[in-house]
Amino acid sequence: MPTSCSIKQLSAIDLELMDSMLTLFGDAFNETETYTARRPGNAYLRKLLGSDSFIALVAIRDNKVVGALAAYELHKFEQERSEIYIYDLAVDAAHRREGIATAMIQSLRAIAATRGAYVIFVQADYGDDPAVALYTKLGVREDVMHFDIAV
């Protein structure tokens, strides 16, 4: 059953909400060190949140961030269009299965349409059955390989 919460797209002034977003990701992914140990400074976050290529959404209920989504708009070269990549999506454990992730993706769809994007895509890990079920409900599955290339 969907919960009542508000979805907010962050802007360069929403540093406190961005801080809450990072904390939520660290907790949800059990990667606190990654998301909290070396947080970017305020100038970096303002620049990121003010850019046209980064999209940050939070779901707020009772003045608390209970869901977060980070996405990137990728401007294409072969046509005048873009695609949106959902990089991270998480919901606080106490608020899962309430429609919050779906609501954030629906908000992202509206943003993508406004920007002229033609698709939103996301990756899911094998074994992450709740994520796979959510994305299967909303989109078409493609089986691809992912490679990390060291810098």
N, C-alpha and C. Protein backbone atom coordinates (compact mmCIF):
# COMPACT_ATOMS: atom_id res chain seq x y z
N MET A 1 0.85 -1.18 0.00
CA MET A 1 0.00 0.00 0.00
C MET A 1 0.89 1.24 0.00
N PRO A 2 0.70 2.17 -0.95
CA PRO A 2 1.53 3.36 -1.01
C PRO A 2 1.40 4.21 0.25
N THR A 3 2.51 4.74 0.66
CA THR A 3 2.54 5.59 1.84
C THR A 3 2.46 7.06 1.44
N SER A 4 2.01 7.88 2.36
CA SER A 4 1.99 9.31 2.07
C SER A 4 3.35 9.89 2.41
N CYS A 5 4.01 10.38 1.40
CA CYS A 5 5.28 11.07 1.57
C CYS A 5 5.41 12.03 0.41
N SER A 6 6.29 12.99 0.56
CA SER A 6 6.51 13.93 -0.53
C SER A 6 7.84 13.60 -1.18
N ILE A 7 7.89 13.77 -2.49
CA ILE A 7 9.12 13.55 -3.25
C ILE A 7 9.66 14.93 -3.62
N LYS A 8 10.92 15.15 -3.31
CA LYS A 8 11.55 16.46 -3.56
C LYS A 8 12.81 16.26 -4.40
N GLN A 9 12.92 17.07 -5.46
CA GLN A 9 14.17 17.10 -6.21
C GLN A 9 15.09 18.11 -5.54
N LEU A 10 16.29 17.69 -5.21
CA LEU A 10 17.22 18.56 -4.51
C LEU A 10 17.84 19.57 -5.46
N SER A 11 18.10 20.75 -4.91
CA SER A 11 18.80 21.81 -5.63
C SER A 11 20.06 22.16 -4.83
N ALA A 12 20.80 23.12 -5.32
CA ALA A 12 22.08 23.47 -4.71
C ALA A 12 21.96 23.98 -3.28
N ILE A 13 20.77 24.33 -2.84
CA ILE A 13 20.61 24.81 -1.46
C ILE A 13 20.23 23.71 -0.47
N ASP A 14 20.01 22.51 -0.96
CA ASP A 14 19.50 21.42 -0.12
C ASP A 14 20.61 20.54 0.46
N LEU A 15 21.62 21.16 1.03
CA LEU A 15 22.77 20.41 1.54
C LEU A 15 22.41 19.51 2.72
N GLU A 16 21.51 19.94 3.57
CA GLU A 16 21.11 19.11 4.71
C GLU A 16 20.38 17.85 4.23
N LEU A 17 19.52 18.00 3.24
CA LEU A 17 18.83 16.84 2.68
C LEU A 17 19.80 15.92 1.96
N MET A 18 20.80 16.48 1.29
CA MET A 18 21.82 15.66 0.63
C MET A 18 22.60 14.87 1.67
N ASP A 19 22.88 15.47 2.80
CA ASP A 19 23.57 14.79 3.90
C ASP A 19 22.72 13.60 4.39
N SER A 20 21.43 13.82 4.54
CA SER A 20 20.52 12.74 4.95
C SER A 20 20.46 11.64 3.89
N MET A 21 20.53 12.04 2.62
CA MET A 21 20.51 11.09 1.52
C MET A 21 21.74 10.17 1.59
N LEU A 22 22.90 10.75 1.81
CA LEU A 22 24.13 9.97 1.91
C LEU A 22 24.07 9.00 3.09
N THR A 23 23.55 9.47 4.21
CA THR A 23 23.40 8.60 5.38
C THR A 23 22.47 7.43 5.07
N LEU A 24 21.36 7.71 4.42
CA LEU A 24 20.41 6.66 4.06
C LEU A 24 21.06 5.62 3.15
N PHE A 25 21.79 6.07 2.12
CA PHE A 25 22.45 5.12 1.23
C PHE A 25 23.45 4.26 2.01
N GLY A 26 24.23 4.87 2.88
CA GLY A 26 25.20 4.11 3.67
C GLY A 26 24.53 3.03 4.51
N ASP A 27 23.43 3.40 5.15
CA ASP A 27 22.69 2.44 5.98
C ASP A 27 22.04 1.36 5.13
N ALA A 28 21.35 1.75 4.07
CA ALA A 28 20.59 0.80 3.25
C ALA A 28 21.49 -0.20 2.54
N PHE A 29 22.66 0.25 2.10
CA PHE A 29 23.56 -0.63 1.35
C PHE A 29 24.61 -1.29 2.25
N ASN A 30 24.52 -1.00 3.57
CA ASN A 30 25.51 -1.51 4.52
C ASN A 30 26.93 -1.11 4.08
N GLU A 31 27.05 0.13 3.64
CA GLU A 31 28.32 0.70 3.18
C GLU A 31 28.53 2.07 3.80
N THR A 32 28.40 2.11 5.12
CA THR A 32 28.52 3.38 5.84
C THR A 32 29.84 4.08 5.54
N GLU A 33 30.91 3.34 5.51
CA GLU A 33 32.24 3.91 5.25
C GLU A 33 32.26 4.62 3.90
N THR A 34 31.71 3.98 2.87
CA THR A 34 31.71 4.57 1.53
C THR A 34 30.95 5.88 1.48
N TYR A 35 29.81 5.93 2.16
CA TYR A 35 28.93 7.10 2.05
C TYR A 35 29.13 8.15 3.12
N THR A 36 29.93 7.87 4.14
CA THR A 36 30.06 8.85 5.21
C THR A 36 31.49 9.25 5.55
N ALA A 37 32.45 8.40 5.29
CA ALA A 37 33.82 8.67 5.76
C ALA A 37 34.48 9.86 5.07
N ARG A 38 34.22 10.06 3.80
CA ARG A 38 34.90 11.12 3.05
C ARG A 38 33.89 11.93 2.25
N ARG A 39 32.87 12.41 2.92
CA ARG A 39 31.83 13.18 2.23
C ARG A 39 32.40 14.41 1.56
N PRO A 40 31.85 14.72 0.41
CA PRO A 40 32.30 15.93 -0.30
C PRO A 40 31.97 17.19 0.51
N GLY A 41 32.73 18.23 0.26
CA GLY A 41 32.48 19.51 0.90
C GLY A 41 31.26 20.19 0.31
N ASN A 42 30.83 21.24 0.98
CA ASN A 42 29.62 21.96 0.55
C ASN A 42 29.75 22.55 -0.85
N ALA A 43 30.92 23.08 -1.19
CA ALA A 43 31.10 23.68 -2.52
C ALA A 43 30.93 22.61 -3.61
N TYR A 44 31.49 21.45 -3.39
CA TYR A 44 31.36 20.34 -4.35
C TYR A 44 29.90 19.93 -4.49
N LEU A 45 29.22 19.78 -3.35
CA LEU A 45 27.82 19.35 -3.38
C LEU A 45 26.93 20.39 -4.04
N ARG A 46 27.18 21.68 -3.78
CA ARG A 46 26.39 22.73 -4.44
C ARG A 46 26.57 22.66 -5.95
N LYS A 47 27.82 22.47 -6.39
CA LYS A 47 28.10 22.37 -7.84
C LYS A 47 27.41 21.14 -8.43
N LEU A 48 27.49 20.02 -7.75
CA LEU A 48 26.86 18.79 -8.23
C LEU A 48 25.34 18.95 -8.30
N LEU A 49 24.74 19.43 -7.22
CA LEU A 49 23.29 19.58 -7.17
C LEU A 49 22.79 20.66 -8.13
N GLY A 50 23.63 21.61 -8.48
CA GLY A 50 23.25 22.67 -9.41
C GLY A 50 23.51 22.33 -10.87
N SER A 51 24.14 21.18 -11.11
CA SER A 51 24.47 20.81 -12.49
C SER A 51 23.24 20.29 -13.22
N ASP A 52 23.33 20.25 -14.54
CA ASP A 52 22.20 19.73 -15.32
C ASP A 52 22.34 18.24 -15.59
N SER A 53 23.38 17.60 -15.05
CA SER A 53 23.57 16.18 -15.33
C SER A 53 23.29 15.28 -14.13
N PHE A 54 23.11 15.85 -12.94
CA PHE A 54 22.87 15.06 -11.74
C PHE A 54 21.45 15.35 -11.23
N ILE A 55 20.75 14.27 -10.87
CA ILE A 55 19.39 14.40 -10.34
C ILE A 55 19.34 13.68 -9.01
N ALA A 56 18.96 14.39 -7.97
CA ALA A 56 18.83 13.80 -6.64
C ALA A 56 17.39 13.99 -6.16
N LEU A 57 16.76 12.88 -5.78
CA LEU A 57 15.40 12.91 -5.26
C LEU A 57 15.39 12.30 -3.87
N VAL A 58 14.58 12.88 -2.99
CA VAL A 58 14.37 12.28 -1.67
C VAL A 58 12.87 12.15 -1.43
N ALA A 59 12.54 11.10 -0.70
CA ALA A 59 11.17 10.91 -0.23
C ALA A 59 11.17 11.29 1.24
N ILE A 60 10.25 12.20 1.61
CA ILE A 60 10.22 12.72 2.97
C ILE A 60 8.88 12.39 3.61
N ARG A 61 8.97 11.86 4.81
CA ARG A 61 7.76 11.60 5.60
C ARG A 61 8.07 12.04 7.03
N ASP A 62 7.16 12.83 7.59
CA ASP A 62 7.35 13.34 8.95
C ASP A 62 8.71 14.01 9.12
N ASN A 63 9.08 14.84 8.13
CA ASN A 63 10.33 15.60 8.14
C ASN A 63 11.58 14.73 8.19
N LYS A 64 11.47 13.49 7.72
CA LYS A 64 12.62 12.57 7.70
C LYS A 64 12.76 11.99 6.30
N VAL A 65 14.00 11.90 5.83
CA VAL A 65 14.27 11.28 4.53
C VAL A 65 14.13 9.78 4.70
N VAL A 66 13.16 9.20 3.98
CA VAL A 66 12.90 7.76 4.08
C VAL A 66 13.22 7.04 2.76
N GLY A 67 13.56 7.80 1.72
CA GLY A 67 13.94 7.22 0.44
C GLY A 67 14.83 8.20 -0.31
N ALA A 68 15.68 7.66 -1.18
CA ALA A 68 16.58 8.52 -1.94
C ALA A 68 16.90 7.88 -3.28
N LEU A 69 17.09 8.73 -4.27
CA LEU A 69 17.43 8.29 -5.62
C LEU A 69 18.46 9.26 -6.18
N ALA A 70 19.54 8.72 -6.71
CA ALA A 70 20.57 9.52 -7.39
C ALA A 70 20.65 9.04 -8.84
N ALA A 71 20.57 9.97 -9.77
CA ALA A 71 20.58 9.61 -11.19
C ALA A 71 21.43 10.62 -11.97
N TYR A 72 21.85 10.18 -13.13
CA TYR A 72 22.65 11.02 -14.01
C TYR A 72 21.97 11.10 -15.37
N GLU A 73 21.93 12.30 -15.94
CA GLU A 73 21.46 12.46 -17.30
C GLU A 73 22.66 12.37 -18.22
N LEU A 74 22.58 11.46 -19.17
CA LEU A 74 23.66 11.25 -20.13
C LEU A 74 23.21 11.83 -21.47
N HIS A 75 23.88 12.89 -21.90
CA HIS A 75 23.56 13.53 -23.17
C HIS A 75 24.19 12.71 -24.29
N LYS A 76 23.37 12.32 -25.25
CA LYS A 76 23.82 11.45 -26.32
C LYS A 76 24.48 12.24 -27.44
N PHE A 77 25.26 11.56 -28.23
CA PHE A 77 25.94 12.22 -29.34
C PHE A 77 25.32 11.90 -30.69
N GLU A 78 24.64 10.76 -30.79
CA GLU A 78 24.12 10.33 -32.08
C GLU A 78 22.80 11.01 -32.45
N GLN A 79 22.11 11.52 -31.44
CA GLN A 79 20.88 12.28 -31.64
C GLN A 79 20.78 13.32 -30.53
N GLU A 80 19.93 14.33 -30.74
CA GLU A 80 19.71 15.34 -29.71
C GLU A 80 18.71 14.78 -28.71
N ARG A 81 19.20 13.96 -27.80
CA ARG A 81 18.37 13.35 -26.77
C ARG A 81 19.29 12.90 -25.64
N SER A 82 18.68 12.44 -24.60
CA SER A 82 19.47 11.96 -23.47
C SER A 82 18.79 10.73 -22.88
N GLU A 83 19.52 10.07 -22.01
CA GLU A 83 18.97 8.96 -21.24
C GLU A 83 19.35 9.19 -19.79
N ILE A 84 18.55 8.65 -18.90
CA ILE A 84 18.76 8.84 -17.46
C ILE A 84 19.20 7.51 -16.86
N TYR A 85 20.27 7.53 -16.10
CA TYR A 85 20.79 6.35 -15.42
C TYR A 85 20.56 6.48 -13.92
N ILE A 86 19.78 5.57 -13.37
CA ILE A 86 19.60 5.54 -11.91
C ILE A 86 20.83 4.88 -11.31
N TYR A 87 21.62 5.66 -10.61
CA TYR A 87 22.86 5.18 -10.03
C TYR A 87 22.63 4.51 -8.69
N ASP A 88 21.86 5.13 -7.83
CA ASP A 88 21.53 4.58 -6.51
C ASP A 88 20.06 4.85 -6.21
N LEU A 89 19.43 3.88 -5.58
CA LEU A 89 18.04 4.00 -5.14
C LEU A 89 17.91 3.18 -3.87
N ALA A 90 17.39 3.80 -2.81
CA ALA A 90 17.23 3.08 -1.55
C ALA A 90 16.06 3.65 -0.77
N VAL A 91 15.46 2.77 0.02
CA VAL A 91 14.39 3.14 0.94
C VAL A 91 14.77 2.63 2.31
N ASP A 92 14.55 3.45 3.33
CA ASP A 92 14.82 3.06 4.71
C ASP A 92 14.12 1.73 5.00
N ALA A 93 14.81 0.84 5.69
CA ALA A 93 14.29 -0.51 5.94
C ALA A 93 12.90 -0.50 6.57
N ALA A 94 12.64 0.45 7.43
CA ALA A 94 11.34 0.51 8.11
C ALA A 94 10.20 0.95 7.19
N HIS A 95 10.53 1.41 5.98
CA HIS A 95 9.52 1.96 5.07
C HIS A 95 9.47 1.25 3.73
N ARG A 96 10.07 0.09 3.64
CA ARG A 96 10.05 -0.65 2.38
C ARG A 96 8.69 -1.28 2.14
N ARG A 97 8.41 -1.57 0.89
CA ARG A 97 7.15 -2.21 0.47
C ARG A 97 5.95 -1.29 0.68
N GLU A 98 6.20 0.04 0.64
CA GLU A 98 5.13 1.02 0.80
C GLU A 98 4.93 1.85 -0.47
N GLY A 99 5.62 1.53 -1.54
CA GLY A 99 5.48 2.27 -2.79
C GLY A 99 6.39 3.47 -2.92
N ILE A 100 7.32 3.64 -2.01
CA ILE A 100 8.19 4.82 -2.03
C ILE A 100 9.15 4.78 -3.22
N ALA A 101 9.78 3.64 -3.47
CA ALA A 101 10.70 3.54 -4.61
C ALA A 101 9.95 3.79 -5.92
N THR A 102 8.78 3.21 -6.05
CA THR A 102 7.98 3.42 -7.25
C THR A 102 7.62 4.90 -7.41
N ALA A 103 7.26 5.55 -6.32
CA ALA A 103 6.92 6.98 -6.38
C ALA A 103 8.12 7.82 -6.81
N MET A 104 9.31 7.48 -6.33
CA MET A 104 10.50 8.22 -6.74
C MET A 104 10.79 8.01 -8.23
N ILE A 105 10.63 6.78 -8.70
CA ILE A 105 10.85 6.50 -10.12
C ILE A 105 9.81 7.22 -10.97
N GLN A 106 8.57 7.29 -10.51
CA GLN A 106 7.54 8.03 -11.25
C GLN A 106 7.90 9.51 -11.32
N SER A 107 8.42 10.07 -10.24
CA SER A 107 8.87 11.47 -10.27
C SER A 107 10.03 11.65 -11.25
N LEU A 108 10.93 10.68 -11.26
CA LEU A 108 12.05 10.74 -12.19
C LEU A 108 11.55 10.65 -13.63
N ARG A 109 10.53 9.85 -13.88
CA ARG A 109 9.95 9.77 -15.22
C ARG A 109 9.46 11.14 -15.69
N ALA A 110 8.81 11.87 -14.81
CA ALA A 110 8.32 13.21 -15.16
C ALA A 110 9.48 14.15 -15.47
N ILE A 111 10.53 14.08 -14.67
CA ILE A 111 11.72 14.91 -14.91
C ILE A 111 12.35 14.53 -16.25
N ALA A 112 12.47 13.23 -16.49
CA ALA A 112 13.06 12.75 -17.75
C ALA A 112 12.25 13.23 -18.95
N ALA A 113 10.94 13.18 -18.86
CA ALA A 113 10.09 13.64 -19.96
C ALA A 113 10.30 15.13 -20.21
N THR A 114 10.38 15.91 -19.14
CA THR A 114 10.61 17.35 -19.26
C THR A 114 11.93 17.65 -19.94
N ARG A 115 12.92 16.84 -19.65
CA ARG A 115 14.26 17.04 -20.23
C ARG A 115 14.41 16.44 -21.62
N GLY A 116 13.40 15.74 -22.09
CA GLY A 116 13.47 15.15 -23.42
C GLY A 116 14.24 13.83 -23.47
N ALA A 117 14.42 13.19 -22.34
CA ALA A 117 15.11 11.89 -22.32
C ALA A 117 14.22 10.84 -22.95
N TYR A 118 14.83 9.83 -23.54
CA TYR A 118 14.03 8.80 -24.20
C TYR A 118 13.96 7.51 -23.40
N VAL A 119 14.78 7.36 -22.36
CA VAL A 119 14.73 6.14 -21.55
C VAL A 119 15.38 6.41 -20.20
N ILE A 120 14.96 5.64 -19.22
CA ILE A 120 15.61 5.57 -17.91
C ILE A 120 16.11 4.15 -17.78
N PHE A 121 17.36 3.98 -17.34
CA PHE A 121 17.85 2.63 -17.14
C PHE A 121 18.51 2.51 -15.77
N VAL A 122 18.59 1.25 -15.30
CA VAL A 122 19.10 0.97 -13.97
C VAL A 122 19.68 -0.44 -13.96
N GLN A 123 20.65 -0.66 -13.12
CA GLN A 123 21.23 -1.99 -12.94
C GLN A 123 20.75 -2.58 -11.62
N ALA A 124 20.68 -3.89 -11.56
CA ALA A 124 20.37 -4.59 -10.31
C ALA A 124 21.31 -5.77 -10.18
N ASP A 125 21.67 -6.06 -8.97
CA ASP A 125 22.57 -7.18 -8.71
C ASP A 125 21.80 -8.48 -8.64
N TYR A 126 22.41 -9.55 -9.14
CA TYR A 126 21.81 -10.87 -8.97
C TYR A 126 21.65 -11.13 -7.47
N GLY A 127 20.51 -11.67 -7.10
CA GLY A 127 20.24 -11.94 -5.69
C GLY A 127 19.50 -10.82 -4.99
N ASP A 128 19.44 -9.64 -5.59
CA ASP A 128 18.68 -8.53 -5.01
C ASP A 128 17.25 -8.63 -5.54
N ASP A 129 16.53 -9.63 -5.05
CA ASP A 129 15.21 -9.95 -5.57
C ASP A 129 14.20 -8.81 -5.47
N PRO A 130 14.17 -8.04 -4.36
CA PRO A 130 13.22 -6.92 -4.31
C PRO A 130 13.47 -5.89 -5.41
N ALA A 131 14.74 -5.56 -5.66
CA ALA A 131 15.06 -4.59 -6.71
C ALA A 131 14.68 -5.15 -8.08
N VAL A 132 15.01 -6.41 -8.33
CA VAL A 132 14.68 -7.02 -9.62
C VAL A 132 13.17 -7.03 -9.82
N ALA A 133 12.41 -7.35 -8.79
CA ALA A 133 10.95 -7.36 -8.89
C ALA A 133 10.41 -5.96 -9.20
N LEU A 134 10.93 -4.95 -8.53
CA LEU A 134 10.50 -3.57 -8.77
C LEU A 134 10.78 -3.16 -10.21
N TYR A 135 12.00 -3.36 -10.66
CA TYR A 135 12.37 -2.92 -12.00
C TYR A 135 11.66 -3.73 -13.07
N THR A 136 11.38 -5.00 -12.81
CA THR A 136 10.63 -5.83 -13.76
C THR A 136 9.21 -5.30 -13.90
N LYS A 137 8.64 -4.84 -12.78
CA LYS A 137 7.29 -4.28 -12.81
C LYS A 137 7.23 -3.00 -13.65
N LEU A 138 8.32 -2.24 -13.67
CA LEU A 138 8.32 -0.93 -14.31
C LEU A 138 8.94 -0.89 -15.70
N GLY A 139 9.73 -1.90 -16.03
CA GLY A 139 10.45 -1.81 -17.30
C GLY A 139 10.69 -3.17 -17.93
N VAL A 140 11.55 -3.15 -18.93
CA VAL A 140 11.90 -4.35 -19.69
C VAL A 140 13.32 -4.75 -19.31
N ARG A 141 13.49 -6.01 -18.96
CA ARG A 141 14.80 -6.50 -18.52
C ARG A 141 15.69 -6.79 -19.73
N GLU A 142 16.96 -6.39 -19.59
CA GLU A 142 17.99 -6.72 -20.55
C GLU A 142 19.12 -7.38 -19.77
N ASP A 143 19.60 -8.49 -20.22
CA ASP A 143 20.74 -9.13 -19.58
C ASP A 143 22.01 -8.65 -20.27
N VAL A 144 22.86 -7.98 -19.51
CA VAL A 144 24.09 -7.42 -20.05
C VAL A 144 25.25 -7.77 -19.12
N MET A 145 26.42 -7.52 -19.58
CA MET A 145 27.61 -7.70 -18.75
C MET A 145 28.09 -6.33 -18.31
N HIS A 146 28.64 -6.27 -17.12
CA HIS A 146 29.16 -5.02 -16.56
C HIS A 146 30.63 -5.23 -16.26
N PHE A 147 31.46 -4.28 -16.64
CA PHE A 147 32.90 -4.38 -16.41
C PHE A 147 33.39 -3.13 -15.70
N ASP A 148 34.20 -3.29 -14.67
CA ASP A 148 34.87 -2.18 -14.02
C ASP A 148 36.28 -2.12 -14.57
N ILE A 149 36.66 -0.99 -15.12
CA ILE A 149 37.99 -0.82 -15.69
C ILE A 149 38.76 0.11 -14.77
N ALA A 150 39.86 -0.38 -14.22
CA ALA A 150 40.65 0.42 -13.27
C ALA A 150 41.23 1.65 -13.96
N VAL A 151 41.33 2.72 -13.19
CA VAL A 151 41.91 3.97 -13.70
C VAL A 151 43.38 3.99 -13.36
